[in-house]
Full PDB file with SEQRES, HELIX, SHEET, SSBOND, CRYST1, ORIGX, SCALE, CONECT and MASTER records, all heavy atoms in Angstrom:
SEQRES   1 A   38  ALA SER ILE THR SER GLY GLY SER ILE ASP TYR ALA GLU          
SEQRES   2 A   38  SER VAL LYS GLY ARG PHE THR ILE SER ARG GLY ASN ALA          
SEQRES   3 A   38  ARG ASN THR VAL TYR LEU GLN MET ASN SER LEU LYS              
SHEET    1 AA1 2 SER A   2  ILE A   3  0                                        
SHEET    2 AA1 2 ILE A   9  ASP A  10 -1                                        
SHEET    1 AA2 2 PHE A  19  ARG A  23  0                                        
SHEET    2 AA2 2 VAL A  30  MET A  34 -1                                        
CRYST1    1.000    1.000    1.000  90.00  90.00  90.00 P 1           1          
ORIGX1      1.000000  0.000000  0.000000        0.00000                         
ORIGX2      0.000000  1.000000  0.000000        0.00000                         
ORIGX3      0.000000  0.000000  1.000000        0.00000                         
SCALE1      1.000000  0.000000  0.000000        0.00000                         
SCALE2      0.000000  1.000000  0.000000        0.00000                         
SCALE3      0.000000  0.000000  1.000000        0.00000                         
ATOM      1  N   ALA A   1     -15.571 -17.959  23.449  1.00  0.00           N  
ATOM      2  CA  ALA A   1     -14.831 -17.486  22.317  1.00  0.00           C  
ATOM      3  C   ALA A   1     -15.677 -17.612  21.053  1.00  0.00           C  
ATOM      4  O   ALA A   1     -16.559 -18.410  20.905  1.00  0.00           O  
ATOM      5  CB  ALA A   1     -13.616 -18.503  22.207  1.00  0.00           C  
ATOM      6  N   SER A   2     -15.337 -16.714  20.150  1.00  0.00           N  
ATOM      7  CA  SER A   2     -16.013 -16.513  18.983  1.00  0.00           C  
ATOM      8  C   SER A   2     -14.986 -16.324  17.697  1.00  0.00           C  
ATOM      9  O   SER A   2     -14.049 -15.670  18.001  1.00  0.00           O  
ATOM     10  CB  SER A   2     -17.206 -15.564  18.936  1.00  0.00           C  
ATOM     11  OG  SER A   2     -16.721 -14.201  19.127  1.00  0.00           O  
ATOM     12  N   ILE A   3     -15.460 -16.742  16.643  1.00  0.00           N  
ATOM     13  CA  ILE A   3     -14.686 -16.396  15.394  1.00  0.00           C  
ATOM     14  C   ILE A   3     -15.531 -16.148  14.339  1.00  0.00           C  
ATOM     15  O   ILE A   3     -16.484 -16.929  13.955  1.00  0.00           O  
ATOM     16  CB  ILE A   3     -13.545 -17.431  15.252  1.00  0.00           C  
ATOM     17  CG1 ILE A   3     -12.644 -17.109  13.998  1.00  0.00           C  
ATOM     18  CG2 ILE A   3     -14.142 -18.882  14.928  1.00  0.00           C  
ATOM     19  CD1 ILE A   3     -11.390 -17.974  13.851  1.00  0.00           C  
ATOM     20  N   THR A   4     -15.384 -15.184  13.614  1.00  0.00           N  
ATOM     21  CA  THR A   4     -16.151 -14.806  12.372  1.00  0.00           C  
ATOM     22  C   THR A   4     -15.607 -15.386  11.135  1.00  0.00           C  
ATOM     23  O   THR A   4     -14.270 -15.894  11.123  1.00  0.00           O  
ATOM     24  CB  THR A   4     -16.406 -13.404  12.058  1.00  0.00           C  
ATOM     25  OG1 THR A   4     -15.115 -12.740  11.736  1.00  0.00           O  
ATOM     26  CG2 THR A   4     -16.903 -12.733  13.487  1.00  0.00           C  
ATOM     27  N   SER A   5     -16.281 -15.386  10.031  1.00  0.00           N  
ATOM     28  CA  SER A   5     -15.716 -15.908   8.769  1.00  0.00           C  
ATOM     29  C   SER A   5     -14.564 -15.005   8.360  1.00  0.00           C  
ATOM     30  O   SER A   5     -13.649 -15.466   7.528  1.00  0.00           O  
ATOM     31  CB  SER A   5     -16.784 -15.901   7.713  1.00  0.00           C  
ATOM     32  OG  SER A   5     -17.379 -14.606   7.421  1.00  0.00           O  
ATOM     33  N   GLY A   6     -14.502 -13.789   8.692  1.00  0.00           N  
ATOM     34  CA  GLY A   6     -13.444 -12.904   8.452  1.00  0.00           C  
ATOM     35  C   GLY A   6     -12.123 -13.043   9.428  1.00  0.00           C  
ATOM     36  O   GLY A   6     -11.154 -12.302   9.055  1.00  0.00           O  
ATOM     37  N   GLY A   7     -12.429 -13.888  10.298  1.00  0.00           N  
ATOM     38  CA  GLY A   7     -11.172 -14.081  11.166  1.00  0.00           C  
ATOM     39  C   GLY A   7     -11.244 -13.208  12.459  1.00  0.00           C  
ATOM     40  O   GLY A   7     -10.298 -13.371  13.232  1.00  0.00           O  
ATOM     41  N   SER A   8     -12.223 -12.413  12.673  1.00  0.00           N  
ATOM     42  CA  SER A   8     -12.297 -11.695  13.974  1.00  0.00           C  
ATOM     43  C   SER A   8     -12.495 -12.557  15.122  1.00  0.00           C  
ATOM     44  O   SER A   8     -13.384 -13.522  15.098  1.00  0.00           O  
ATOM     45  CB  SER A   8     -13.308 -10.615  13.864  1.00  0.00           C  
ATOM     46  OG  SER A   8     -13.418  -9.927  15.022  1.00  0.00           O  
ATOM     47  N   ILE A   9     -11.756 -12.581  16.119  1.00  0.00           N  
ATOM     48  CA  ILE A   9     -11.753 -13.377  17.331  1.00  0.00           C  
ATOM     49  C   ILE A   9     -11.874 -12.627  18.616  1.00  0.00           C  
ATOM     50  O   ILE A   9     -11.297 -11.502  18.779  1.00  0.00           O  
ATOM     51  CB  ILE A   9     -10.502 -14.286  17.329  1.00  0.00           C  
ATOM     52  CG1 ILE A   9     -10.421 -15.165  16.215  1.00  0.00           C  
ATOM     53  CG2 ILE A   9     -10.546 -14.981  18.671  1.00  0.00           C  
ATOM     54  CD1 ILE A   9      -8.955 -15.862  16.182  1.00  0.00           C  
ATOM     55  N   ASP A  10     -12.842 -13.214  19.447  1.00  0.00           N  
ATOM     56  CA  ASP A  10     -13.002 -12.599  20.789  1.00  0.00           C  
ATOM     57  C   ASP A  10     -13.000 -13.783  21.812  1.00  0.00           C  
ATOM     58  O   ASP A  10     -13.451 -14.761  21.571  1.00  0.00           O  
ATOM     59  CB  ASP A  10     -14.281 -11.863  20.860  1.00  0.00           C  
ATOM     60  CG  ASP A  10     -14.290 -10.542  20.089  1.00  0.00           C  
ATOM     61  OD1 ASP A  10     -13.509  -9.669  20.433  1.00  0.00           O  
ATOM     62  OD2 ASP A  10     -15.151 -10.403  19.232  1.00  0.00           O  
ATOM     63  N   TYR A  11     -12.555 -13.384  23.063  1.00  0.00           N  
ATOM     64  CA  TYR A  11     -12.429 -14.381  24.123  1.00  0.00           C  
ATOM     65  C   TYR A  11     -13.040 -13.786  25.319  1.00  0.00           C  
ATOM     66  O   TYR A  11     -12.894 -12.589  25.526  1.00  0.00           O  
ATOM     67  CB  TYR A  11     -10.932 -14.731  24.402  1.00  0.00           C  
ATOM     68  CG  TYR A  11     -10.221 -15.558  23.296  1.00  0.00           C  
ATOM     69  CD1 TYR A  11      -9.401 -14.887  22.558  1.00  0.00           C  
ATOM     70  CD2 TYR A  11     -10.466 -16.921  23.224  1.00  0.00           C  
ATOM     71  CE1 TYR A  11      -8.638 -15.592  21.521  1.00  0.00           C  
ATOM     72  CE2 TYR A  11      -9.796 -17.611  22.190  1.00  0.00           C  
ATOM     73  CZ  TYR A  11      -8.977 -16.891  21.393  1.00  0.00           C  
ATOM     74  OH  TYR A  11      -8.313 -17.610  20.282  1.00  0.00           O  
ATOM     75  N   ALA A  12     -13.599 -14.573  26.113  1.00  0.00           N  
ATOM     76  CA  ALA A  12     -14.029 -14.134  27.443  1.00  0.00           C  
ATOM     77  C   ALA A  12     -12.658 -13.850  28.342  1.00  0.00           C  
ATOM     78  O   ALA A  12     -11.716 -14.476  28.113  1.00  0.00           O  
ATOM     79  CB  ALA A  12     -14.773 -15.244  28.220  1.00  0.00           C  
ATOM     80  N   GLU A  13     -12.824 -12.880  29.156  1.00  0.00           N  
ATOM     81  CA  GLU A  13     -11.503 -12.510  29.901  1.00  0.00           C  
ATOM     82  C   GLU A  13     -10.984 -13.655  30.679  1.00  0.00           C  
ATOM     83  O   GLU A  13      -9.861 -13.690  30.966  1.00  0.00           O  
ATOM     84  CB  GLU A  13     -12.028 -11.387  30.900  1.00  0.00           C  
ATOM     85  CG  GLU A  13     -12.097 -10.075  30.219  1.00  0.00           C  
ATOM     86  CD  GLU A  13     -10.697  -9.448  29.596  1.00  0.00           C  
ATOM     87  OE1 GLU A  13      -9.703  -9.784  30.154  1.00  0.00           O  
ATOM     88  OE2 GLU A  13     -10.861  -8.840  28.671  1.00  0.00           O  
ATOM     89  N   SER A  14     -11.961 -14.501  31.240  1.00  0.00           N  
ATOM     90  CA  SER A  14     -11.515 -15.591  32.098  1.00  0.00           C  
ATOM     91  C   SER A  14     -10.655 -16.778  31.194  1.00  0.00           C  
ATOM     92  O   SER A  14      -9.984 -17.397  31.889  1.00  0.00           O  
ATOM     93  CB  SER A  14     -12.684 -16.314  32.653  1.00  0.00           C  
ATOM     94  OG  SER A  14     -13.580 -16.803  31.567  1.00  0.00           O  
ATOM     95  N   VAL A  15     -10.627 -16.632  29.880  1.00  0.00           N  
ATOM     96  CA  VAL A  15      -9.960 -17.717  29.174  1.00  0.00           C  
ATOM     97  C   VAL A  15      -8.768 -17.033  28.438  1.00  0.00           C  
ATOM     98  O   VAL A  15      -8.041 -17.883  27.712  1.00  0.00           O  
ATOM     99  CB  VAL A  15     -10.871 -18.443  28.308  1.00  0.00           C  
ATOM    100  CG1 VAL A  15     -11.983 -19.127  29.135  1.00  0.00           C  
ATOM    101  CG2 VAL A  15     -11.449 -17.702  27.093  1.00  0.00           C  
ATOM    102  N   LYS A  16      -8.716 -15.821  28.293  1.00  0.00           N  
ATOM    103  CA  LYS A  16      -7.677 -15.134  27.442  1.00  0.00           C  
ATOM    104  C   LYS A  16      -6.284 -15.695  27.886  1.00  0.00           C  
ATOM    105  O   LYS A  16      -5.916 -15.803  29.129  1.00  0.00           O  
ATOM    106  CB  LYS A  16      -7.651 -13.693  27.635  1.00  0.00           C  
ATOM    107  CG  LYS A  16      -8.853 -12.985  26.784  1.00  0.00           C  
ATOM    108  CD  LYS A  16      -8.863 -11.470  26.951  1.00  0.00           C  
ATOM    109  CE  LYS A  16      -9.920 -10.818  26.109  1.00  0.00           C  
ATOM    110  NZ  LYS A  16      -9.850  -9.391  26.229  1.00  0.00           N  
ATOM    111  N   GLY A  17      -5.561 -15.947  26.822  1.00  0.00           N  
ATOM    112  CA  GLY A  17      -4.164 -16.564  27.188  1.00  0.00           C  
ATOM    113  C   GLY A  17      -4.091 -18.092  27.323  1.00  0.00           C  
ATOM    114  O   GLY A  17      -3.045 -18.553  27.496  1.00  0.00           O  
ATOM    115  N   ARG A  18      -5.269 -18.648  27.574  1.00  0.00           N  
ATOM    116  CA  ARG A  18      -5.223 -20.015  27.880  1.00  0.00           C  
ATOM    117  C   ARG A  18      -5.885 -20.773  26.693  1.00  0.00           C  
ATOM    118  O   ARG A  18      -5.595 -21.916  26.417  1.00  0.00           O  
ATOM    119  CB  ARG A  18      -5.973 -20.328  29.233  1.00  0.00           C  
ATOM    120  CG  ARG A  18      -5.298 -19.735  30.347  1.00  0.00           C  
ATOM    121  CD  ARG A  18      -5.800 -20.220  31.768  1.00  0.00           C  
ATOM    122  NE  ARG A  18      -7.263 -19.883  31.909  1.00  0.00           N  
ATOM    123  CZ  ARG A  18      -8.227 -20.697  31.919  1.00  0.00           C  
ATOM    124  NH1 ARG A  18      -8.087 -22.022  31.939  1.00  0.00           N  
ATOM    125  NH2 ARG A  18      -9.552 -20.304  31.970  1.00  0.00           N  
ATOM    126  N   PHE A  19      -6.936 -20.264  26.175  1.00  0.00           N  
ATOM    127  CA  PHE A  19      -7.788 -20.845  25.109  1.00  0.00           C  
ATOM    128  C   PHE A  19      -7.476 -20.220  23.770  1.00  0.00           C  
ATOM    129  O   PHE A  19      -7.319 -19.028  23.674  1.00  0.00           O  
ATOM    130  CB  PHE A  19      -9.379 -20.777  25.347  1.00  0.00           C  
ATOM    131  CG  PHE A  19      -9.895 -21.545  26.570  1.00  0.00           C  
ATOM    132  CD1 PHE A  19      -8.975 -22.125  27.481  1.00  0.00           C  
ATOM    133  CD2 PHE A  19     -11.082 -21.565  26.928  1.00  0.00           C  
ATOM    134  CE1 PHE A  19      -9.330 -22.891  28.583  1.00  0.00           C  
ATOM    135  CE2 PHE A  19     -11.673 -22.346  27.895  1.00  0.00           C  
ATOM    136  CZ  PHE A  19     -10.723 -23.043  28.757  1.00  0.00           C  
ATOM    137  N   THR A  20      -7.568 -21.071  22.719  1.00  0.00           N  
ATOM    138  CA  THR A  20      -7.526 -20.655  21.411  1.00  0.00           C  
ATOM    139  C   THR A  20      -8.560 -21.146  20.518  1.00  0.00           C  
ATOM    140  O   THR A  20      -8.717 -22.421  20.449  1.00  0.00           O  
ATOM    141  CB  THR A  20      -6.121 -20.961  20.836  1.00  0.00           C  
ATOM    142  OG1 THR A  20      -5.018 -20.579  21.576  1.00  0.00           O  
ATOM    143  CG2 THR A  20      -5.910 -20.393  19.398  1.00  0.00           C  
ATOM    144  N   ILE A  21      -9.233 -20.247  19.877  1.00  0.00           N  
ATOM    145  CA  ILE A  21     -10.280 -20.750  18.858  1.00  0.00           C  
ATOM    146  C   ILE A  21      -9.814 -20.689  17.460  1.00  0.00           C  
ATOM    147  O   ILE A  21      -9.036 -19.728  17.103  1.00  0.00           O  
ATOM    148  CB  ILE A  21     -11.600 -19.925  19.047  1.00  0.00           C  
ATOM    149  CG1 ILE A  21     -12.773 -20.555  18.169  1.00  0.00           C  
ATOM    150  CG2 ILE A  21     -11.343 -18.484  18.773  1.00  0.00           C  
ATOM    151  CD1 ILE A  21     -14.070 -19.902  18.515  1.00  0.00           C  
ATOM    152  N   SER A  22     -10.114 -21.574  16.610  1.00  0.00           N  
ATOM    153  CA  SER A  22      -9.677 -21.582  15.270  1.00  0.00           C  
ATOM    154  C   SER A  22     -10.703 -22.241  14.354  1.00  0.00           C  
ATOM    155  O   SER A  22     -11.570 -23.040  14.776  1.00  0.00           O  
ATOM    156  CB  SER A  22      -8.277 -22.251  15.049  1.00  0.00           C  
ATOM    157  OG  SER A  22      -8.317 -23.682  15.486  1.00  0.00           O  
ATOM    158  N   ARG A  23     -10.587 -21.950  13.068  1.00  0.00           N  
ATOM    159  CA  ARG A  23     -11.492 -22.550  12.042  1.00  0.00           C  
ATOM    160  C   ARG A  23     -10.698 -23.608  11.263  1.00  0.00           C  
ATOM    161  O   ARG A  23      -9.579 -23.408  11.094  1.00  0.00           O  
ATOM    162  CB  ARG A  23     -12.054 -21.549  11.034  1.00  0.00           C  
ATOM    163  CG  ARG A  23     -12.888 -20.402  11.723  1.00  0.00           C  
ATOM    164  CD  ARG A  23     -14.336 -21.012  12.013  1.00  0.00           C  
ATOM    165  NE  ARG A  23     -15.038 -21.216  10.816  1.00  0.00           N  
ATOM    166  CZ  ARG A  23     -15.848 -20.448  10.150  1.00  0.00           C  
ATOM    167  NH1 ARG A  23     -15.995 -19.131  10.665  1.00  0.00           N  
ATOM    168  NH2 ARG A  23     -16.628 -20.736   9.033  1.00  0.00           N  
ATOM    169  N   GLY A  24     -11.384 -24.549  10.853  1.00  0.00           N  
ATOM    170  CA  GLY A  24     -10.775 -25.665  10.021  1.00  0.00           C  
ATOM    171  C   GLY A  24     -10.672 -25.239   8.553  1.00  0.00           C  
ATOM    172  O   GLY A  24     -11.342 -24.287   8.139  1.00  0.00           O  
ATOM    173  N   ASN A  25      -9.858 -26.084   7.910  1.00  0.00           N  
ATOM    174  CA  ASN A  25      -9.835 -25.658   6.472  1.00  0.00           C  
ATOM    175  C   ASN A  25     -11.101 -25.815   5.599  1.00  0.00           C  
ATOM    176  O   ASN A  25     -11.416 -25.087   4.712  1.00  0.00           O  
ATOM    177  CB  ASN A  25      -8.766 -26.617   5.744  1.00  0.00           C  
ATOM    178  CG  ASN A  25      -7.433 -26.378   6.202  1.00  0.00           C  
ATOM    179  OD1 ASN A  25      -7.111 -25.354   6.536  1.00  0.00           O  
ATOM    180  ND2 ASN A  25      -6.525 -27.457   6.147  1.00  0.00           N  
ATOM    181  N   ALA A  26     -12.009 -26.646   6.161  1.00  0.00           N  
ATOM    182  CA  ALA A  26     -13.342 -26.796   5.371  1.00  0.00           C  
ATOM    183  C   ALA A  26     -14.245 -25.641   5.733  1.00  0.00           C  
ATOM    184  O   ALA A  26     -15.235 -25.495   5.161  1.00  0.00           O  
ATOM    185  CB  ALA A  26     -13.939 -28.127   5.922  1.00  0.00           C  
ATOM    186  N   ARG A  27     -13.891 -24.922   6.688  1.00  0.00           N  
ATOM    187  CA  ARG A  27     -14.648 -23.598   7.233  1.00  0.00           C  
ATOM    188  C   ARG A  27     -15.919 -23.904   7.812  1.00  0.00           C  
ATOM    189  O   ARG A  27     -16.657 -22.999   8.302  1.00  0.00           O  
ATOM    190  CB  ARG A  27     -14.883 -22.732   5.920  1.00  0.00           C  
ATOM    191  CG  ARG A  27     -13.577 -22.307   5.174  1.00  0.00           C  
ATOM    192  CD  ARG A  27     -12.533 -21.751   6.031  1.00  0.00           C  
ATOM    193  NE  ARG A  27     -12.951 -20.494   6.671  1.00  0.00           N  
ATOM    194  CZ  ARG A  27     -12.202 -19.879   7.497  1.00  0.00           C  
ATOM    195  NH1 ARG A  27     -11.068 -20.422   8.019  1.00  0.00           N  
ATOM    196  NH2 ARG A  27     -12.641 -18.712   7.983  1.00  0.00           N  
ATOM    197  N   ASN A  28     -16.353 -25.207   8.040  1.00  0.00           N  
ATOM    198  CA  ASN A  28     -17.492 -25.579   8.736  1.00  0.00           C  
ATOM    199  C   ASN A  28     -17.096 -26.274   9.971  1.00  0.00           C  
ATOM    200  O   ASN A  28     -17.927 -26.948  10.626  1.00  0.00           O  
ATOM    201  CB  ASN A  28     -18.413 -26.457   7.917  1.00  0.00           C  
ATOM    202  CG  ASN A  28     -17.814 -27.768   7.502  1.00  0.00           C  
ATOM    203  OD1 ASN A  28     -16.604 -27.950   7.434  1.00  0.00           O  
ATOM    204  ND2 ASN A  28     -18.733 -28.745   6.918  1.00  0.00           N  
ATOM    205  N   THR A  29     -15.854 -26.175  10.385  1.00  0.00           N  
ATOM    206  CA  THR A  29     -15.388 -26.750  11.578  1.00  0.00           C  
ATOM    207  C   THR A  29     -14.755 -25.619  12.456  1.00  0.00           C  
ATOM    208  O   THR A  29     -14.244 -24.663  12.026  1.00  0.00           O  
ATOM    209  CB  THR A  29     -14.360 -27.803  11.363  1.00  0.00           C  
ATOM    210  OG1 THR A  29     -13.300 -27.291  10.579  1.00  0.00           O  
ATOM    211  CG2 THR A  29     -14.988 -28.981  10.583  1.00  0.00           C  
ATOM    212  N   VAL A  30     -14.796 -25.872  13.663  1.00  0.00           N  
ATOM    213  CA  VAL A  30     -14.280 -24.957  14.710  1.00  0.00           C  
ATOM    214  C   VAL A  30     -13.664 -25.794  15.816  1.00  0.00           C  
ATOM    215  O   VAL A  30     -14.169 -26.755  16.302  1.00  0.00           O  
ATOM    216  CB  VAL A  30     -15.224 -23.951  15.279  1.00  0.00           C  
ATOM    217  CG1 VAL A  30     -16.348 -24.536  15.904  1.00  0.00           C  
ATOM    218  CG2 VAL A  30     -14.527 -22.797  15.944  1.00  0.00           C  
ATOM    219  N   TYR A  31     -12.400 -25.229  16.313  1.00  0.00           N  
ATOM    220  CA  TYR A  31     -11.715 -25.932  17.456  1.00  0.00           C  
ATOM    221  C   TYR A  31     -11.731 -24.933  18.528  1.00  0.00           C  
ATOM    222  O   TYR A  31     -11.508 -23.731  18.405  1.00  0.00           O  
ATOM    223  CB  TYR A  31     -10.392 -26.425  16.837  1.00  0.00           C  
ATOM    224  CG  TYR A  31     -10.471 -27.329  15.703  1.00  0.00           C  
ATOM    225  CD1 TYR A  31     -10.292 -26.749  14.413  1.00  0.00           C  
ATOM    226  CD2 TYR A  31     -10.788 -28.651  15.827  1.00  0.00           C  
ATOM    227  CE1 TYR A  31     -10.399 -27.510  13.279  1.00  0.00           C  
ATOM    228  CE2 TYR A  31     -10.889 -29.456  14.698  1.00  0.00           C  
ATOM    229  CZ  TYR A  31     -10.664 -28.910  13.407  1.00  0.00           C  
ATOM    230  OH  TYR A  31     -10.686 -29.670  12.409  1.00  0.00           O  
ATOM    231  N   LEU A  32     -11.497 -25.547  19.706  1.00  0.00           N  
ATOM    232  CA  LEU A  32     -11.138 -24.831  20.829  1.00  0.00           C  
ATOM    233  C   LEU A  32     -10.052 -25.560  21.635  1.00  0.00           C  
ATOM    234  O   LEU A  32     -10.271 -26.592  22.257  1.00  0.00           O  
ATOM    235  CB  LEU A  32     -12.423 -24.614  21.855  1.00  0.00           C  
ATOM    236  CG  LEU A  32     -12.099 -23.639  23.052  1.00  0.00           C  
ATOM    237  CD1 LEU A  32     -11.894 -22.286  22.557  1.00  0.00           C  
ATOM    238  CD2 LEU A  32     -13.287 -23.641  23.945  1.00  0.00           C  
ATOM    239  N   GLN A  33      -8.843 -24.943  21.514  1.00  0.00           N  
ATOM    240  CA  GLN A  33      -7.787 -25.573  22.195  1.00  0.00           C  
ATOM    241  C   GLN A  33      -7.702 -24.858  23.594  1.00  0.00           C  
ATOM    242  O   GLN A  33      -7.612 -23.761  23.808  1.00  0.00           O  
ATOM    243  CB  GLN A  33      -6.452 -25.230  21.478  1.00  0.00           C  
ATOM    244  CG  GLN A  33      -5.225 -25.720  22.295  1.00  0.00           C  
ATOM    245  CD  GLN A  33      -5.100 -27.224  22.374  1.00  0.00           C  
ATOM    246  OE1 GLN A  33      -5.391 -27.898  21.294  1.00  0.00           O  
ATOM    247  NE2 GLN A  33      -4.830 -27.730  23.490  1.00  0.00           N  
ATOM    248  N   MET A  34      -7.817 -25.690  24.683  1.00  0.00           N  
ATOM    249  CA  MET A  34      -7.915 -25.228  26.074  1.00  0.00           C  
ATOM    250  C   MET A  34      -6.749 -25.735  26.710  1.00  0.00           C  
ATOM    251  O   MET A  34      -6.482 -26.978  27.008  1.00  0.00           O  
ATOM    252  CB  MET A  34      -9.273 -25.821  26.748  1.00  0.00           C  
ATOM    253  CG  MET A  34     -10.481 -25.503  25.904  1.00  0.00           C  
ATOM    254  SD  MET A  34     -11.925 -25.925  26.871  1.00  0.00           S  
ATOM    255  CE  MET A  34     -11.673 -27.647  26.703  1.00  0.00           C  
ATOM    256  N   ASN A  35      -5.917 -24.723  27.138  1.00  0.00           N  
ATOM    257  CA  ASN A  35      -4.672 -25.170  27.870  1.00  0.00           C  
ATOM    258  C   ASN A  35      -4.780 -24.653  29.349  1.00  0.00           C  
ATOM    259  O   ASN A  35      -5.631 -23.725  29.729  1.00  0.00           O  
ATOM    260  CB  ASN A  35      -3.454 -24.473  27.262  1.00  0.00           C  
ATOM    261  CG  ASN A  35      -3.127 -25.174  25.931  1.00  0.00           C  
ATOM    262  OD1 ASN A  35      -3.340 -26.178  25.622  1.00  0.00           O  
ATOM    263  ND2 ASN A  35      -2.561 -24.221  24.945  1.00  0.00           N  
ATOM    264  N   SER A  36      -3.919 -25.104  30.252  1.00  0.00           N  
ATOM    265  CA  SER A  36      -3.828 -24.623  31.569  1.00  0.00           C  
ATOM    266  C   SER A  36      -5.332 -24.643  32.238  1.00  0.00           C  
ATOM    267  O   SER A  36      -5.707 -23.679  32.829  1.00  0.00           O  
ATOM    268  CB  SER A  36      -3.261 -23.185  31.706  1.00  0.00           C  
ATOM    269  OG  SER A  36      -1.856 -23.210  31.169  1.00  0.00           O  
ATOM    270  N   LEU A  37      -5.963 -25.721  32.033  1.00  0.00           N  
ATOM    271  CA  LEU A  37      -7.315 -25.821  32.506  1.00  0.00           C  
ATOM    272  C   LEU A  37      -7.463 -25.627  34.073  1.00  0.00           C  
ATOM    273  O   LEU A  37      -6.529 -26.262  34.838  1.00  0.00           O  
ATOM    274  CB  LEU A  37      -7.994 -27.138  32.061  1.00  0.00           C  
ATOM    275  CG  LEU A  37      -8.447 -27.109  30.575  1.00  0.00           C  
ATOM    276  CD1 LEU A  37      -8.769 -28.484  30.084  1.00  0.00           C  
ATOM    277  CD2 LEU A  37      -9.687 -26.275  30.395  1.00  0.00           C  
ATOM    278  N   LYS A  38      -8.517 -24.992  34.491  1.00  0.00           N  
ATOM    279  CA  LYS A  38      -8.765 -24.806  35.798  1.00  0.00           C  
ATOM    280  C   LYS A  38     -10.008 -25.470  36.292  1.00  0.00           C  
ATOM    281  O   LYS A  38     -10.845 -25.656  35.418  1.00  0.00           O  
ATOM    282  CB  LYS A  38      -8.720 -23.337  36.136  1.00  0.00           C  
ATOM    283  CG  LYS A  38      -7.597 -22.531  35.672  1.00  0.00           C  
ATOM    284  CD  LYS A  38      -7.705 -21.052  35.992  1.00  0.00           C  
ATOM    285  CE  LYS A  38      -6.663 -20.139  35.549  1.00  0.00           C  
ATOM    286  NZ  LYS A  38      -6.898 -18.712  35.830  1.00  0.00           N  
TER     287      LYS A  38                                                      
MASTER        0    0    0    0    4    0    0    6  286    1    0    3          
END                                                                             
């Protein structure tokens, strides 16, 4: 998964619908929420 400073997000097909990438308020942090792990 990737996220730009402008908020553009892309995911690998294998994780779409399960993973969520986000930036923290400090803008120097990034999170990856991984649900329904396989």
